[in-house]
Amino acid sequence: MYIPKHFKIEDEEEIYEFIEKYSFATLYSTHKGEPYATQLPLILKKDEKALYGHFARANGQWKDIKDQTVLVVFQGPHSYVSPSWYEISDAVPTWNYVAVHLYGKVDMIEDDKVILDSLNEMVTKYEKPDSPYNLRNVDSRYIEGLSKGIVAFKMNITKIEAKAKLSQNHPVERQELIIENLERSTDQNDFRVATLMKKNLY
C-alpha cells in the first residue's frame, strides 16, 4: 500500500484496536491463476499475531491458498472531501479514509475443538452483551453437521501496513473546516471520519 509518511500509523496497539473494531475484512489470494477475494469476519489473536476465520467449503479459494502470501484488507470509515470547504479556490477534491493491510500465510485448522472455540469467540464478539443466544447451547449434532460445510483457517501475520489519510498534509485551519463540514453531514461515515480527524488533530 502506498503510504506517505504523514499518513502512516505506526502504533501497533492502535492498529490492533482498528482491526478489532472493523473486523469484517476482504481476504485476497490467487485462485486458479487469477486474483480472488472473499469478504468475511476475522478474529484477531494479538498474542499469536494471527487471524482466525473460515471459508464456506464450497468456496474454492481455500483449496490452493496454503503456500501463498495472502493479503487481508480492513476498511474503516471513509469520506469525500470537497474543495468547496477550503478557504481557497485553487484546490481539488480528495478522499479521507483509514485502512489496514495485513499480509501472511494461511494454515488450515482441522482440530474440532480449535474450530469450535473460534466459532464461539466469533459469535460472542458480534452478539449484543444482553443477547440470550449462545452457540454452546445449540445442539452439538446440529453444529457438527454445519461445521462440515466450512473450512477453518489461521493466518499468521508477517507484515502490517496501516494508513490514516485524514488531511494531515493540510494546515490546521483547513482541517478544522473539513471537520466542521463533515459533522454537518447525516452520513455516519462522514461523522466517523470527522471524529478520527479530531482525535488525530487534538
Protein backbone atom coordinates (compact mmCIF):
# COMPACT_ATOMS: atom_id res chain seq x y z
CA MET A 1 0.00 0.00 0.00
CA TYR A 2 1.28 3.47 -0.86
CA ILE A 3 1.66 5.37 2.43
CA PRO A 4 3.12 8.90 2.53
CA LYS A 5 4.96 9.38 5.85
CA HIS A 6 2.36 11.73 7.38
CA PHE A 7 -0.42 9.15 6.83
CA LYS A 8 1.39 6.15 8.30
CA ILE A 9 0.05 4.55 11.50
CA GLU A 10 2.92 3.02 13.46
CA ASP A 11 1.35 2.38 16.88
CA GLU A 12 0.71 -1.38 16.96
CA GLU A 13 -1.98 -1.14 19.64
CA GLU A 14 -3.84 1.48 17.61
CA ILE A 15 -3.68 -0.83 14.58
CA TYR A 16 -4.95 -3.82 16.57
CA GLU A 17 -7.78 -1.73 18.02
CA PHE A 18 -8.77 -0.74 14.49
CA ILE A 19 -8.75 -4.38 13.29
CA GLU A 20 -10.95 -5.46 16.19
CA LYS A 21 -13.42 -2.64 15.52
CA TYR A 22 -13.59 -3.08 11.73
CA SER A 23 -13.16 -6.85 11.67
CA PHE A 24 -15.26 -7.63 8.59
CA ALA A 25 -12.46 -7.80 6.02
CA THR A 26 -11.57 -8.85 2.49
CA LEU A 27 -9.07 -11.68 2.00
CA TYR A 28 -7.20 -11.68 -1.32
CA SER A 29 -5.23 -14.53 -2.82
CA THR A 30 -4.56 -16.08 -6.21
CA HIS A 31 -7.00 -18.83 -7.15
CA LYS A 32 -6.55 -20.81 -10.33
CA GLY A 33 -4.06 -18.23 -11.54
CA GLU A 34 -6.33 -15.21 -11.05
CA PRO A 35 -6.89 -12.65 -8.24
CA TYR A 36 -9.67 -13.82 -5.92
CA ALA A 37 -11.31 -12.21 -2.90
CA THR A 38 -13.66 -13.25 -0.11
CA GLN A 39 -15.39 -10.96 2.39
CA LEU A 40 -15.51 -12.45 5.87
CA PRO A 41 -15.32 -11.66 9.61
CA LEU A 42 -11.98 -12.38 11.25
CA ILE A 43 -10.86 -12.77 14.85
CA LEU A 44 -7.52 -11.22 15.84
CA LYS A 45 -5.28 -13.06 18.30
CA LYS A 46 -2.71 -10.46 19.30
CA ASP A 47 -0.64 -12.87 21.40
CA GLU A 48 -0.26 -15.19 18.41
CA LYS A 49 -0.02 -12.37 15.84
CA ALA A 50 -2.65 -14.23 13.85
CA LEU A 51 -6.14 -14.01 12.39
CA TYR A 52 -8.74 -16.77 12.63
CA GLY A 53 -11.67 -17.29 10.28
CA HIS A 54 -13.38 -19.75 7.99
CA PHE A 55 -14.37 -20.19 4.36
CA ALA A 56 -17.54 -21.84 3.12
CA ARG A 57 -16.29 -25.25 1.93
CA ALA A 58 -17.93 -24.60 -1.45
CA ASN A 59 -15.70 -21.54 -1.87
CA GLY A 60 -12.70 -22.92 -3.77
CA GLN A 61 -10.35 -20.17 -2.59
CA TRP A 62 -9.11 -22.32 0.29
CA LYS A 63 -8.00 -25.17 -1.98
CA ASP A 64 -4.84 -23.53 -3.33
CA ILE A 65 -4.15 -20.89 -0.68
CA LYS A 66 -1.77 -22.76 1.62
CA ASP A 67 1.64 -21.76 0.24
CA GLN A 68 0.71 -18.24 -0.85
CA THR A 69 1.30 -14.90 0.80
CA VAL A 70 -2.24 -13.54 1.14
CA LEU A 71 -3.50 -10.02 1.75
CA VAL A 72 -6.28 -9.07 4.16
CA VAL A 73 -7.75 -5.56 3.92
CA PHE A 74 -9.62 -3.94 6.81
CA GLN A 75 -11.52 -0.84 5.68
CA GLY A 76 -12.59 1.81 8.15
CA PRO A 77 -14.77 4.89 7.63
CA HIS A 78 -14.18 6.99 4.53
CA SER A 79 -15.49 10.28 3.15
CA TYR A 80 -15.35 12.55 0.14
CA VAL A 81 -13.72 15.90 0.91
CA SER A 82 -14.95 18.81 -1.21
CA PRO A 83 -12.57 21.67 -2.09
CA SER A 84 -15.56 24.00 -1.61
CA TRP A 85 -14.92 23.60 2.12
CA TYR A 86 -11.45 25.15 1.86
CA GLU A 87 -10.51 28.77 2.41
CA ILE A 88 -9.01 28.88 -1.12
CA SER A 89 -10.47 28.23 -4.58
CA ASP A 90 -7.43 26.62 -6.22
CA ALA A 91 -7.91 23.10 -4.86
CA VAL A 92 -9.09 19.66 -5.90
CA PRO A 93 -11.30 17.03 -4.19
CA THR A 94 -9.85 14.19 -2.18
CA TRP A 95 -10.98 11.23 -0.09
CA ASN A 96 -10.23 10.69 3.60
CA TYR A 97 -10.08 7.16 4.96
CA VAL A 98 -8.42 4.66 7.26
CA ALA A 99 -7.28 1.21 6.13
CA VAL A 100 -5.07 -1.60 7.39
CA HIS A 101 -3.41 -4.23 5.18
CA LEU A 102 -2.14 -7.47 6.70
CA TYR A 103 0.00 -10.00 4.84
CA GLY A 104 0.61 -13.56 5.89
CA LYS A 105 0.48 -17.30 5.36
CA VAL A 106 -2.62 -19.43 5.86
CA ASP A 107 -2.80 -22.78 7.67
CA MET A 108 -5.98 -24.84 7.61
CA ILE A 109 -7.34 -25.93 11.01
CA GLU A 110 -8.54 -29.49 11.44
CA ASP A 111 -8.77 -29.70 15.22
CA ASP A 112 -12.50 -29.74 16.04
CA LYS A 113 -12.00 -28.08 19.44
CA VAL A 114 -9.99 -25.19 17.96
CA ILE A 115 -12.64 -24.74 15.27
CA LEU A 116 -15.50 -24.70 17.79
CA ASP A 117 -13.62 -22.33 20.12
CA SER A 118 -13.00 -19.99 17.18
CA LEU A 119 -16.67 -20.04 16.18
CA ASN A 120 -17.76 -19.42 19.77
CA GLU A 121 -15.41 -16.47 20.06
CA MET A 122 -16.74 -15.00 16.82
CA VAL A 123 -20.39 -15.34 17.89
CA THR A 124 -19.62 -13.85 21.32
CA LYS A 125 -17.86 -10.89 19.69
CA TYR A 126 -20.81 -9.96 17.47
CA GLU A 127 -23.79 -10.81 19.68
CA LYS A 128 -25.06 -7.97 21.86
CA PRO A 129 -23.98 -8.23 25.53
CA ASP A 130 -27.59 -8.86 26.60
CA SER A 131 -28.31 -11.39 23.82
CA PRO A 132 -29.67 -14.73 25.07
CA TYR A 133 -28.01 -16.56 22.15
CA ASN A 134 -25.04 -18.77 22.92
CA LEU A 135 -23.56 -21.17 20.38
CA ARG A 136 -22.75 -23.63 23.17
CA ASN A 137 -26.49 -24.05 23.82
CA VAL A 138 -27.16 -25.21 20.25
CA ASP A 139 -27.49 -28.98 19.74
CA SER A 140 -23.94 -30.32 19.20
CA ARG A 141 -25.11 -32.62 16.38
CA TYR A 142 -26.55 -29.62 14.54
CA ILE A 143 -23.29 -27.67 14.94
CA GLU A 144 -21.29 -30.72 13.88
CA GLY A 145 -23.36 -31.01 10.71
CA LEU A 146 -22.95 -27.34 9.82
CA SER A 147 -19.22 -27.46 10.59
CA LYS A 148 -18.78 -29.88 7.73
CA GLY A 149 -19.71 -27.00 5.41
CA ILE A 150 -16.80 -24.76 6.44
CA VAL A 151 -13.02 -24.79 6.28
CA ALA A 152 -11.41 -23.04 9.25
CA PHE A 153 -8.05 -21.33 8.99
CA LYS A 154 -5.39 -19.39 10.84
CA MET A 155 -3.44 -16.64 9.09
CA ASN A 156 -0.02 -15.96 10.58
CA ILE A 157 0.68 -12.25 10.11
CA THR A 158 4.05 -11.48 8.50
CA LYS A 159 3.63 -7.80 7.60
CA ILE A 160 1.38 -4.91 8.66
CA GLU A 161 0.67 -1.70 6.74
CA ALA A 162 -1.67 0.91 8.21
CA LYS A 163 -2.79 4.24 6.80
CA ALA A 164 -4.93 7.08 8.13
CA LYS A 165 -5.39 9.66 5.37
CA LEU A 166 -7.09 12.40 7.37
CA SER A 167 -5.89 15.64 5.74
CA GLN A 168 -2.77 15.77 7.95
CA ASN A 169 -0.92 17.31 4.99
CA HIS A 170 -3.18 20.40 5.14
CA PRO A 171 -2.93 23.39 7.51
CA VAL A 172 -4.73 23.05 10.84
CA GLU A 173 -7.28 25.72 9.89
CA ARG A 174 -8.26 23.77 6.79
CA GLN A 175 -8.51 20.53 8.74
CA GLU A 176 -10.91 22.28 11.11
CA LEU A 177 -13.04 23.44 8.16
CA ILE A 178 -13.20 19.87 6.83
CA ILE A 179 -14.21 18.55 10.27
CA GLU A 180 -16.89 21.23 10.56
CA ASN A 181 -18.41 20.27 7.20
CA LEU A 182 -18.22 16.53 7.82
CA GLU A 183 -20.01 16.96 11.15
CA ARG A 184 -22.91 18.66 9.36
CA SER A 185 -23.49 15.53 7.28
CA THR A 186 -26.13 12.92 8.08
CA ASP A 187 -23.85 10.18 6.72
CA GLN A 188 -22.36 8.12 9.56
CA ASN A 189 -19.13 7.62 7.62
CA ASP A 190 -18.64 11.39 7.45
CA PHE A 191 -19.24 11.75 11.17
CA ARG A 192 -16.79 8.95 12.00
CA VAL A 193 -14.10 10.46 9.78
CA ALA A 194 -14.64 13.82 11.50
CA THR A 195 -14.21 12.12 14.89
CA LEU A 196 -10.98 10.47 13.76
CA MET A 197 -9.69 13.75 12.37
CA LYS A 198 -10.36 15.49 15.68
CA LYS A 199 -8.63 12.74 17.61
CA ASN A 200 -5.64 12.99 15.31
CA LEU A 201 -5.57 16.80 15.33
CA TYR A 202 -6.06 17.46 19.02
